[in-house]
Amino acid sequence: MDSSPLTFHIRHAFLLPLGLLVLLTSGLFVLGLVQHQPPAKLLLLGAIWLPVTILFIESLFRRTEIDAEIVRVHKLLRTSSLRFADVASLDAMQVRKRAFLTLSSTKHCLIFSNAYQDFPELVRTLLKRVPAGTVTDGCRQLAADPPVKSSDIVSCWLAVALVALVLYFQVIR
């Protein structure tokens, strides 16, 4: 077995529009300040900008490394890990096209979603590395046909288009 860890990141197809959305909402906020927009409008923009920015930063830094003995999930300013020898269960849940894997021991739990690039390979790799008998039937079914979710990407691009349109009208005003 190859000793170099496999690394999985959040899909670039999602990060790109999300990053653009952060830039556009930032631009809209700055433009609102320059144009002396009402505080309520600026507060609303801030309420949109803050969670989008947090989601972007969190997604940008999230990565999962899997080697022969350990799975590590790197998030902004923190890392979680679980040794495969300690795994008690690998379970799956699917809601429409959104899929989640739960890798758990008696003390820790790691959750993976199909927001990861090459999610099918992530699932196959985990199935190969966890102890026999810890994989649930639901996880085996999910592994046979992992869902591909694109509605989050489409929604993000629609938000980019909407904010760009608002920004355009704010500038030509």
N, C-alpha and C. Protein backbone atom coordinates (compact mmCIF):
# COMPACT_ATOMS: atom_id res chain seq x y z
N MET A 1 0.84 -1.18 0.00
CA MET A 1 0.00 0.00 0.00
C MET A 1 0.89 1.25 0.00
N ASP A 2 0.51 2.25 -0.78
CA ASP A 2 1.27 3.50 -0.87
C ASP A 2 1.25 4.21 0.47
N SER A 3 2.41 4.71 0.91
CA SER A 3 2.50 5.34 2.22
C SER A 3 2.15 6.83 2.18
N SER A 4 2.08 7.43 0.99
CA SER A 4 1.75 8.86 0.93
C SER A 4 0.24 9.03 1.15
N PRO A 5 -0.13 10.02 1.95
CA PRO A 5 -1.55 10.21 2.24
C PRO A 5 -2.31 10.75 1.03
N LEU A 6 -3.56 10.36 0.94
CA LEU A 6 -4.46 10.93 -0.06
C LEU A 6 -5.09 12.17 0.55
N THR A 7 -5.20 13.22 -0.25
CA THR A 7 -5.75 14.47 0.24
C THR A 7 -6.98 14.84 -0.57
N PHE A 8 -8.03 15.21 0.14
CA PHE A 8 -9.29 15.60 -0.49
C PHE A 8 -9.64 17.02 -0.04
N HIS A 9 -10.04 17.86 -0.99
CA HIS A 9 -10.41 19.25 -0.72
C HIS A 9 -11.87 19.47 -1.11
N ILE A 10 -12.43 20.58 -0.65
CA ILE A 10 -13.77 20.97 -1.07
C ILE A 10 -13.70 21.31 -2.57
N ARG A 11 -14.76 20.99 -3.30
CA ARG A 11 -14.78 21.17 -4.75
C ARG A 11 -14.47 22.62 -5.15
N HIS A 12 -13.58 22.76 -6.12
CA HIS A 12 -13.24 24.08 -6.65
C HIS A 12 -14.45 24.70 -7.35
N ALA A 13 -15.30 23.86 -7.91
CA ALA A 13 -16.50 24.36 -8.60
C ALA A 13 -17.43 25.09 -7.63
N PHE A 14 -17.31 24.81 -6.35
CA PHE A 14 -18.09 25.51 -5.32
C PHE A 14 -17.32 26.70 -4.77
N LEU A 15 -16.02 26.53 -4.58
CA LEU A 15 -15.20 27.60 -4.00
C LEU A 15 -15.13 28.84 -4.90
N LEU A 16 -15.08 28.65 -6.21
CA LEU A 16 -14.96 29.77 -7.13
C LEU A 16 -16.16 30.73 -7.02
N PRO A 17 -17.39 30.27 -7.20
CA PRO A 17 -18.50 31.22 -7.07
C PRO A 17 -18.65 31.77 -5.65
N LEU A 18 -18.32 30.96 -4.66
CA LEU A 18 -18.41 31.42 -3.28
C LEU A 18 -17.41 32.55 -3.02
N GLY A 19 -16.20 32.42 -3.54
CA GLY A 19 -15.20 33.47 -3.43
C GLY A 19 -15.64 34.74 -4.16
N LEU A 20 -16.21 34.57 -5.34
CA LEU A 20 -16.73 35.73 -6.07
C LEU A 20 -17.86 36.40 -5.31
N LEU A 21 -18.68 35.61 -4.67
CA LEU A 21 -19.78 36.17 -3.88
C LEU A 21 -19.24 37.00 -2.72
N VAL A 22 -18.18 36.53 -2.08
CA VAL A 22 -17.54 37.29 -1.00
C VAL A 22 -17.01 38.61 -1.54
N LEU A 23 -16.32 38.56 -2.68
CA LEU A 23 -15.77 39.79 -3.28
C LEU A 23 -16.88 40.77 -3.66
N LEU A 24 -17.92 40.27 -4.31
CA LEU A 24 -19.01 41.16 -4.74
C LEU A 24 -19.76 41.76 -3.56
N THR A 25 -20.04 40.97 -2.54
CA THR A 25 -20.74 41.53 -1.38
C THR A 25 -19.84 42.51 -0.63
N SER A 26 -18.54 42.26 -0.62
CA SER A 26 -17.60 43.21 -0.02
C SER A 26 -17.62 44.52 -0.79
N GLY A 27 -17.60 44.42 -2.11
CA GLY A 27 -17.65 45.60 -2.96
C GLY A 27 -18.94 46.37 -2.78
N LEU A 28 -20.03 45.65 -2.67
CA LEU A 28 -21.33 46.29 -2.46
C LEU A 28 -21.37 47.00 -1.11
N PHE A 29 -20.78 46.39 -0.11
CA PHE A 29 -20.74 47.00 1.22
C PHE A 29 -19.89 48.29 1.20
N VAL A 30 -18.70 48.22 0.59
CA VAL A 30 -17.83 49.39 0.50
C VAL A 30 -18.53 50.50 -0.30
N LEU A 31 -19.16 50.13 -1.39
CA LEU A 31 -19.89 51.12 -2.19
C LEU A 31 -21.02 51.75 -1.37
N GLY A 32 -21.69 50.94 -0.57
CA GLY A 32 -22.74 51.46 0.30
C GLY A 32 -22.20 52.46 1.31
N LEU A 33 -21.01 52.19 1.84
CA LEU A 33 -20.38 53.13 2.77
C LEU A 33 -20.03 54.44 2.06
N VAL A 34 -19.44 54.32 0.88
CA VAL A 34 -19.04 55.50 0.11
C VAL A 34 -20.26 56.34 -0.28
N GLN A 35 -21.34 55.66 -0.63
CA GLN A 35 -22.56 56.37 -1.05
C GLN A 35 -23.44 56.77 0.13
N HIS A 36 -22.97 56.54 1.34
CA HIS A 36 -23.72 56.89 2.56
C HIS A 36 -25.13 56.28 2.56
N GLN A 37 -25.17 54.98 2.28
CA GLN A 37 -26.45 54.27 2.30
C GLN A 37 -26.98 54.21 3.73
N PRO A 38 -28.28 53.99 3.88
CA PRO A 38 -28.87 53.91 5.23
C PRO A 38 -28.24 52.77 6.04
N PRO A 39 -28.11 52.98 7.34
CA PRO A 39 -27.51 51.94 8.20
C PRO A 39 -28.21 50.58 8.11
N ALA A 40 -29.53 50.60 7.95
CA ALA A 40 -30.27 49.33 7.85
C ALA A 40 -29.82 48.53 6.64
N LYS A 41 -29.58 49.20 5.52
CA LYS A 41 -29.11 48.53 4.31
C LYS A 41 -27.71 47.97 4.52
N LEU A 42 -26.85 48.75 5.17
CA LEU A 42 -25.49 48.28 5.44
C LEU A 42 -25.49 47.11 6.42
N LEU A 43 -26.39 47.17 7.39
CA LEU A 43 -26.51 46.07 8.35
C LEU A 43 -26.97 44.79 7.65
N LEU A 44 -27.91 44.93 6.74
CA LEU A 44 -28.39 43.77 5.97
C LEU A 44 -27.26 43.19 5.12
N LEU A 45 -26.50 44.06 4.47
CA LEU A 45 -25.36 43.59 3.68
C LEU A 45 -24.33 42.87 4.56
N GLY A 46 -24.08 43.43 5.74
CA GLY A 46 -23.15 42.78 6.68
C GLY A 46 -23.67 41.43 7.14
N ALA A 47 -24.98 41.34 7.32
CA ALA A 47 -25.59 40.07 7.74
C ALA A 47 -25.50 39.01 6.64
N ILE A 48 -25.42 39.44 5.42
CA ILE A 48 -25.23 38.50 4.30
C ILE A 48 -23.74 38.18 4.15
N TRP A 49 -22.91 39.21 4.22
CA TRP A 49 -21.48 39.05 3.99
C TRP A 49 -20.81 38.15 5.02
N LEU A 50 -21.13 38.31 6.30
CA LEU A 50 -20.45 37.58 7.36
C LEU A 50 -20.57 36.05 7.22
N PRO A 51 -21.77 35.48 7.11
CA PRO A 51 -21.83 34.02 6.99
C PRO A 51 -21.24 33.49 5.69
N VAL A 52 -21.39 34.26 4.60
CA VAL A 52 -20.81 33.83 3.32
C VAL A 52 -19.29 33.81 3.43
N THR A 53 -18.72 34.81 4.06
CA THR A 53 -17.26 34.87 4.23
C THR A 53 -16.76 33.75 5.14
N ILE A 54 -17.47 33.51 6.22
CA ILE A 54 -17.08 32.42 7.12
C ILE A 54 -17.14 31.07 6.40
N LEU A 55 -18.21 30.85 5.64
CA LEU A 55 -18.34 29.60 4.87
C LEU A 55 -17.20 29.47 3.86
N PHE A 56 -16.88 30.56 3.19
CA PHE A 56 -15.80 30.52 2.20
C PHE A 56 -14.46 30.19 2.86
N ILE A 57 -14.13 30.88 3.92
CA ILE A 57 -12.84 30.65 4.59
C ILE A 57 -12.77 29.22 5.14
N GLU A 58 -13.84 28.80 5.77
CA GLU A 58 -13.90 27.44 6.33
C GLU A 58 -13.75 26.40 5.22
N SER A 59 -14.43 26.59 4.11
CA SER A 59 -14.36 25.65 2.98
C SER A 59 -12.99 25.68 2.31
N LEU A 60 -12.40 26.85 2.23
CA LEU A 60 -11.10 27.00 1.60
C LEU A 60 -10.01 26.23 2.36
N PHE A 61 -10.09 26.25 3.67
CA PHE A 61 -9.06 25.59 4.48
C PHE A 61 -9.36 24.13 4.80
N ARG A 62 -10.56 23.67 4.52
CA ARG A 62 -10.92 22.30 4.87
C ARG A 62 -10.28 21.31 3.89
N ARG A 63 -9.63 20.33 4.47
CA ARG A 63 -9.09 19.23 3.67
C ARG A 63 -9.03 17.98 4.54
N THR A 64 -9.10 16.87 3.89
CA THR A 64 -9.04 15.58 4.58
C THR A 64 -7.85 14.81 4.04
N GLU A 65 -7.03 14.31 4.95
CA GLU A 65 -5.89 13.47 4.58
C GLU A 65 -6.14 12.07 5.12
N ILE A 66 -5.94 11.10 4.26
CA ILE A 66 -6.11 9.71 4.66
C ILE A 66 -4.83 8.96 4.34
N ASP A 67 -4.24 8.36 5.37
CA ASP A 67 -3.09 7.50 5.14
C ASP A 67 -3.46 6.09 5.60
N ALA A 68 -2.51 5.23 5.72
CA ALA A 68 -2.79 3.83 6.05
C ALA A 68 -3.40 3.65 7.44
N GLU A 69 -3.09 4.55 8.38
CA GLU A 69 -3.52 4.35 9.76
C GLU A 69 -4.48 5.40 10.31
N ILE A 70 -4.46 6.60 9.74
CA ILE A 70 -5.20 7.71 10.32
C ILE A 70 -5.92 8.52 9.25
N VAL A 71 -7.06 9.06 9.61
CA VAL A 71 -7.74 10.06 8.79
C VAL A 71 -7.71 11.36 9.58
N ARG A 72 -7.29 12.44 8.91
CA ARG A 72 -7.20 13.76 9.53
C ARG A 72 -8.07 14.74 8.76
N VAL A 73 -8.86 15.50 9.48
CA VAL A 73 -9.66 16.55 8.86
C VAL A 73 -9.10 17.88 9.35
N HIS A 74 -8.59 18.65 8.40
CA HIS A 74 -8.02 19.96 8.71
C HIS A 74 -9.08 21.02 8.43
N LYS A 75 -9.33 21.84 9.44
CA LYS A 75 -10.25 22.96 9.32
C LYS A 75 -9.49 24.20 9.71
N LEU A 76 -10.09 25.34 9.55
CA LEU A 76 -9.44 26.58 9.93
C LEU A 76 -9.08 26.54 11.41
N LEU A 77 -7.80 26.63 11.72
CA LEU A 77 -7.26 26.70 13.08
C LEU A 77 -7.46 25.44 13.93
N ARG A 78 -7.85 24.33 13.32
CA ARG A 78 -7.99 23.10 14.10
C ARG A 78 -7.88 21.87 13.20
N THR A 79 -7.51 20.77 13.82
CA THR A 79 -7.40 19.50 13.12
C THR A 79 -8.01 18.41 13.99
N SER A 80 -8.78 17.54 13.37
CA SER A 80 -9.34 16.38 14.05
C SER A 80 -8.79 15.14 13.38
N SER A 81 -8.57 14.11 14.17
CA SER A 81 -8.07 12.87 13.57
C SER A 81 -8.68 11.66 14.26
N LEU A 82 -8.62 10.56 13.55
CA LEU A 82 -9.15 9.31 14.07
C LEU A 82 -8.32 8.18 13.46
N ARG A 83 -7.85 7.31 14.34
CA ARG A 83 -7.10 6.14 13.87
C ARG A 83 -8.09 5.10 13.38
N PHE A 84 -7.77 4.48 12.25
CA PHE A 84 -8.67 3.48 11.70
C PHE A 84 -8.86 2.31 12.66
N ALA A 85 -7.85 1.99 13.44
CA ALA A 85 -7.95 0.89 14.40
C ALA A 85 -9.00 1.17 15.48
N ASP A 86 -9.30 2.46 15.72
CA ASP A 86 -10.28 2.84 16.74
C ASP A 86 -11.70 3.01 16.21
N VAL A 87 -11.88 2.85 14.92
CA VAL A 87 -13.20 3.09 14.31
C VAL A 87 -14.20 2.04 14.77
N ALA A 88 -15.35 2.50 15.24
CA ALA A 88 -16.43 1.61 15.66
C ALA A 88 -17.50 1.51 14.59
N SER A 89 -17.63 2.58 13.76
CA SER A 89 -18.69 2.58 12.75
C SER A 89 -18.37 3.56 11.62
N LEU A 90 -18.69 3.13 10.41
CA LEU A 90 -18.70 4.02 9.24
C LEU A 90 -20.12 3.95 8.71
N ASP A 91 -20.84 5.04 8.87
CA ASP A 91 -22.26 5.08 8.51
C ASP A 91 -22.47 6.16 7.46
N ALA A 92 -23.60 6.10 6.79
CA ALA A 92 -23.93 7.08 5.76
C ALA A 92 -25.38 7.50 5.88
N MET A 93 -25.63 8.73 5.46
CA MET A 93 -26.98 9.24 5.40
C MET A 93 -27.09 10.07 4.13
N GLN A 94 -28.22 9.95 3.46
CA GLN A 94 -28.43 10.72 2.24
C GLN A 94 -29.79 11.40 2.30
N VAL A 95 -29.78 12.70 2.02
CA VAL A 95 -31.00 13.48 1.92
C VAL A 95 -30.99 14.10 0.53
N ARG A 96 -31.84 13.60 -0.33
CA ARG A 96 -31.85 13.96 -1.75
C ARG A 96 -30.47 13.72 -2.32
N LYS A 97 -29.81 14.76 -2.82
CA LYS A 97 -28.48 14.58 -3.40
C LYS A 97 -27.36 14.93 -2.42
N ARG A 98 -27.70 15.24 -1.18
CA ARG A 98 -26.69 15.56 -0.17
C ARG A 98 -26.39 14.28 0.61
N ALA A 99 -25.10 13.93 0.67
CA ALA A 99 -24.69 12.71 1.35
C ALA A 99 -23.69 13.03 2.46
N PHE A 100 -23.79 12.27 3.53
CA PHE A 100 -22.89 12.44 4.67
C PHE A 100 -22.38 11.08 5.10
N LEU A 101 -21.09 11.01 5.40
CA LEU A 101 -20.48 9.83 6.00
C LEU A 101 -20.11 10.21 7.43
N THR A 102 -20.34 9.29 8.33
CA THR A 102 -19.95 9.49 9.72
C THR A 102 -18.99 8.39 10.10
N LEU A 103 -17.79 8.79 10.45
CA LEU A 103 -16.75 7.86 10.90
C LEU A 103 -16.61 8.09 12.39
N SER A 104 -16.91 7.06 13.18
CA SER A 104 -16.93 7.30 14.63
C SER A 104 -16.20 6.20 15.40
N SER A 105 -15.68 6.63 16.54
CA SER A 105 -15.10 5.73 17.53
C SER A 105 -15.92 5.92 18.80
N THR A 106 -15.46 5.36 19.90
CA THR A 106 -16.21 5.55 21.14
C THR A 106 -16.08 6.97 21.67
N LYS A 107 -15.02 7.71 21.25
CA LYS A 107 -14.78 9.05 21.77
C LYS A 107 -14.92 10.16 20.73
N HIS A 108 -14.73 9.86 19.46
CA HIS A 108 -14.69 10.90 18.43
C HIS A 108 -15.58 10.55 17.25
N CYS A 109 -15.90 11.58 16.49
CA CYS A 109 -16.72 11.41 15.30
C CYS A 109 -16.24 12.40 14.24
N LEU A 110 -16.08 11.93 13.01
CA LEU A 110 -15.75 12.80 11.88
C LEU A 110 -16.87 12.67 10.87
N ILE A 111 -17.26 13.81 10.29
CA ILE A 111 -18.34 13.83 9.31
C ILE A 111 -17.80 14.35 7.99
N PHE A 112 -18.13 13.65 6.92
CA PHE A 112 -17.71 14.04 5.57
C PHE A 112 -18.96 14.20 4.72
N SER A 113 -18.97 15.23 3.88
CA SER A 113 -20.10 15.40 2.98
C SER A 113 -19.63 15.29 1.54
N ASN A 114 -20.59 15.20 0.65
CA ASN A 114 -20.21 15.11 -0.75
C ASN A 114 -19.87 16.48 -1.35
N ALA A 115 -19.53 17.43 -0.50
CA ALA A 115 -18.99 18.71 -0.96
C ALA A 115 -17.52 18.55 -1.35
N TYR A 116 -16.93 17.41 -0.98
CA TYR A 116 -15.53 17.16 -1.32
C TYR A 116 -15.36 16.81 -2.79
N GLN A 117 -14.26 17.32 -3.34
CA GLN A 117 -13.84 16.93 -4.68
C GLN A 117 -13.58 15.42 -4.66
N ASP A 118 -14.00 14.72 -5.68
CA ASP A 118 -13.80 13.27 -5.80
C ASP A 118 -14.34 12.51 -4.59
N PHE A 119 -15.55 12.85 -4.21
CA PHE A 119 -16.22 12.19 -3.07
C PHE A 119 -16.29 10.67 -3.24
N PRO A 120 -16.59 10.14 -4.44
CA PRO A 120 -16.61 8.67 -4.58
C PRO A 120 -15.29 8.02 -4.18
N GLU A 121 -14.16 8.65 -4.53
CA GLU A 121 -12.86 8.09 -4.14
C GLU A 121 -12.65 8.19 -2.63
N LEU A 122 -13.12 9.25 -2.02
CA LEU A 122 -13.06 9.40 -0.57
C LEU A 122 -13.82 8.25 0.10
N VAL A 123 -15.00 7.96 -0.40
CA VAL A 123 -15.82 6.86 0.16
C VAL A 123 -15.10 5.53 -0.01
N ARG A 124 -14.60 5.26 -1.22
CA ARG A 124 -13.90 3.98 -1.48
C ARG A 124 -12.67 3.83 -0.59
N THR A 125 -11.93 4.91 -0.41
CA THR A 125 -10.72 4.87 0.41
C THR A 125 -11.06 4.57 1.86
N LEU A 126 -12.09 5.23 2.38
CA LEU A 126 -12.50 4.95 3.77
C LEU A 126 -12.97 3.51 3.92
N LEU A 127 -13.74 3.01 2.94
CA LEU A 127 -14.21 1.62 3.02
C LEU A 127 -13.05 0.63 3.05
N LYS A 128 -11.99 0.92 2.32
CA LYS A 128 -10.82 0.03 2.30
C LYS A 128 -10.06 0.03 3.63
N ARG A 129 -10.07 1.16 4.34
CA ARG A 129 -9.21 1.33 5.50
C ARG A 129 -9.86 1.02 6.84
N VAL A 130 -11.18 1.10 6.94
CA VAL A 130 -11.82 0.86 8.23
C VAL A 130 -11.83 -0.64 8.54
N PRO A 131 -11.88 -1.01 9.80
CA PRO A 131 -11.91 -2.43 10.16
C PRO A 131 -13.16 -3.13 9.61
N ALA A 132 -12.98 -4.38 9.28
CA ALA A 132 -14.10 -5.19 8.79
C ALA A 132 -15.21 -5.21 9.84
N GLY A 133 -16.43 -5.14 9.40
CA GLY A 133 -17.56 -5.19 10.32
C GLY A 133 -18.02 -3.85 10.85
N THR A 134 -17.31 -2.78 10.53
CA THR A 134 -17.72 -1.46 11.02
C THR A 134 -18.55 -0.68 10.00
N VAL A 135 -18.63 -1.18 8.77
CA VAL A 135 -19.35 -0.49 7.71
C VAL A 135 -20.82 -0.90 7.73
N THR A 136 -21.70 0.08 7.79
CA THR A 136 -23.14 -0.21 7.80
C THR A 136 -23.63 -0.49 6.38
N ASP A 137 -24.81 -1.10 6.30
CA ASP A 137 -25.40 -1.39 4.99
C ASP A 137 -25.68 -0.10 4.23
N GLY A 138 -26.11 0.93 4.94
CA GLY A 138 -26.38 2.22 4.31
C GLY A 138 -25.14 2.80 3.66
N CYS A 139 -24.01 2.60 4.29
CA CYS A 139 -22.74 3.10 3.75
C CYS A 139 -22.36 2.30 2.50
N ARG A 140 -22.57 1.00 2.53
CA ARG A 140 -22.26 0.18 1.35
C ARG A 140 -23.14 0.59 0.17
N GLN A 141 -24.42 0.87 0.45
CA GLN A 141 -25.33 1.31 -0.61
C GLN A 141 -24.89 2.65 -1.18
N LEU A 142 -24.50 3.57 -0.31
CA LEU A 142 -24.03 4.87 -0.77
C LEU A 142 -22.76 4.71 -1.60
N ALA A 143 -21.87 3.84 -1.18
CA ALA A 143 -20.60 3.64 -1.89
C ALA A 143 -20.83 3.07 -3.28
N ALA A 144 -21.89 2.29 -3.44
CA ALA A 144 -22.18 1.70 -4.74
C ALA A 144 -22.56 2.77 -5.77
N ASP A 145 -23.18 3.85 -5.31
CA ASP A 145 -23.59 4.93 -6.21
C ASP A 145 -23.60 6.27 -5.47
N PRO A 146 -22.40 6.83 -5.19
CA PRO A 146 -22.34 8.10 -4.46
C PRO A 146 -23.01 9.22 -5.25
N PRO A 147 -23.87 10.00 -4.59
CA PRO A 147 -24.56 11.07 -5.30
C PRO A 147 -23.64 12.25 -5.61
N VAL A 148 -23.90 12.89 -6.72
CA VAL A 148 -23.18 14.10 -7.11
C VAL A 148 -24.14 15.26 -6.92
N LYS A 149 -23.74 16.20 -6.09
CA LYS A 149 -24.61 17.33 -5.76
C LYS A 149 -24.09 18.58 -6.47
N SER A 150 -24.96 19.21 -7.24
CA SER A 150 -24.55 20.43 -7.94
C SER A 150 -25.46 21.61 -7.64
N SER A 151 -26.53 21.39 -6.89
CA SER A 151 -27.46 22.49 -6.62
C SER A 151 -26.81 23.60 -5.80
N ASP A 152 -25.86 23.26 -4.92
CA ASP A 152 -25.18 24.29 -4.15
C ASP A 152 -24.34 25.18 -5.06
N ILE A 153 -23.75 24.60 -6.08
CA ILE A 153 -22.95 25.37 -7.04
C ILE A 153 -23.85 26.28 -7.87
N VAL A 154 -24.95 25.73 -8.34
CA VAL A 154 -25.91 26.52 -9.13
C VAL A 154 -26.46 27.67 -8.28
N SER A 155 -26.83 27.39 -7.05
CA SER A 155 -27.36 28.43 -6.15
C SER A 155 -26.33 29.53 -5.92
N CYS A 156 -25.09 29.13 -5.76
CA CYS A 156 -24.03 30.10 -5.52
C CYS A 156 -23.82 30.99 -6.75
N TRP A 157 -23.83 30.39 -7.95
CA TRP A 157 -23.70 31.19 -9.17
C TRP A 157 -24.90 32.13 -9.34
N LEU A 158 -26.08 31.69 -8.97
CA LEU A 158 -27.26 32.56 -9.04
C LEU A 158 -27.11 33.74 -8.08
N ALA A 159 -26.60 33.48 -6.89
CA ALA A 159 -26.36 34.55 -5.92
C ALA A 159 -25.31 35.53 -6.46
N VAL A 160 -24.26 35.01 -7.10
CA VAL A 160 -23.24 35.88 -7.71
C VAL A 160 -23.88 36.78 -8.76
N ALA A 161 -24.72 36.20 -9.61
CA ALA A 161 -25.39 36.98 -10.66
C ALA A 161 -26.29 38.05 -10.05
N LEU A 162 -27.01 37.70 -9.01
CA LEU A 162 -27.92 38.65 -8.37
C LEU A 162 -27.15 39.79 -7.71
N VAL A 163 -26.11 39.48 -6.96
CA VAL A 163 -25.32 40.52 -6.30
C VAL A 163 -24.59 41.38 -7.34
N ALA A 164 -24.11 40.76 -8.42
CA ALA A 164 -23.46 41.54 -9.49
C ALA A 164 -24.45 42.51 -10.13
N LEU A 165 -25.68 42.07 -10.31
CA LEU A 165 -26.72 42.92 -10.87
C LEU A 165 -27.03 44.10 -9.93
N VAL A 166 -27.16 43.81 -8.65
CA VAL A 166 -27.39 44.86 -7.65
C VAL A 166 -26.21 45.83 -7.64
N LEU A 167 -25.00 45.32 -7.68
CA LEU A 167 -23.81 46.15 -7.69
C LEU A 167 -23.78 47.04 -8.93
N TYR A 168 -24.12 46.46 -10.07
CA TYR A 168 -24.17 47.22 -11.32
C TYR A 168 -25.15 48.39 -11.20
N PHE A 169 -26.35 48.11 -10.73
CA PHE A 169 -27.35 49.18 -10.59
C PHE A 169 -26.95 50.21 -9.53
N GLN A 170 -26.22 49.80 -8.54
CA GLN A 170 -25.72 50.72 -7.50
C GLN A 170 -24.68 51.66 -8.10
N VAL A 171 -23.85 51.16 -9.01
CA VAL A 171 -22.80 51.96 -9.62
C VAL A 171 -23.36 52.95 -10.64
N ILE A 172 -24.29 52.51 -11.48
CA ILE A 172 -24.80 53.41 -12.53
C ILE A 172 -25.83 54.41 -12.00
N ARG A 173 -26.23 54.24 -10.81
CA ARG A 173 -27.23 55.08 -10.15
C ARG A 173 -26.84 56.48 -10.05
